[in-house]
């Protein structure tokens, strides 16, 4: 990041970021997640990211990308604890998907499962980088509902990058336009 970004996001809040490609949205989320080097200071409940081991920080401040990684033989092996049938149904999936090889899945199925895999760690902050980009409209709505319920029930915070205007309107939360110049200013709320 070229200049400091001074934002405060409280528990239970969902912020939406949008803007042209290359404007720094993903870089900002990766810096907050401590996935890329930065000169800034990121705090979670008054504790700085550099005051704890990176893996501990990343379980609490979790980055979710549209691109997912799968390296074991079955989907189920990627979960510390298998998601319940009910949880899978909330995002339009059947329990049998856990027995499949990841190469048999669509990008949308992988994206939804990666989201569940991350939520199992109960992160305090979700950094959602186009998390619903590969999803059909019905699956997108299911993921939005799952995430909104998680944020509300668990009192967690999230920053969600979305290029989808209708999604921003549905989620109806503070929305920030992101340009290289504007990203470094205090964000101005725009009505979605």
Foldseek 3Di string as FASTA:
>chain_A
DPADADDDWFFLAEEEEEEDPPQCLVVVLCVLLVNDDDPDWHDDPNHTCVVDDSVVSCLQAPEAALDDDDDDQFQLVLAPDDDDQVLQVLLPHGSCNRGHGPVVDDSQVRLVSVVVRSCVSVHQEYEAEPSCVRDDPVNVVSVLVVVSCSRNVVRGYYYHYDPDPVVCQVVFHFYFYGGNVQSNPHTDGDGD
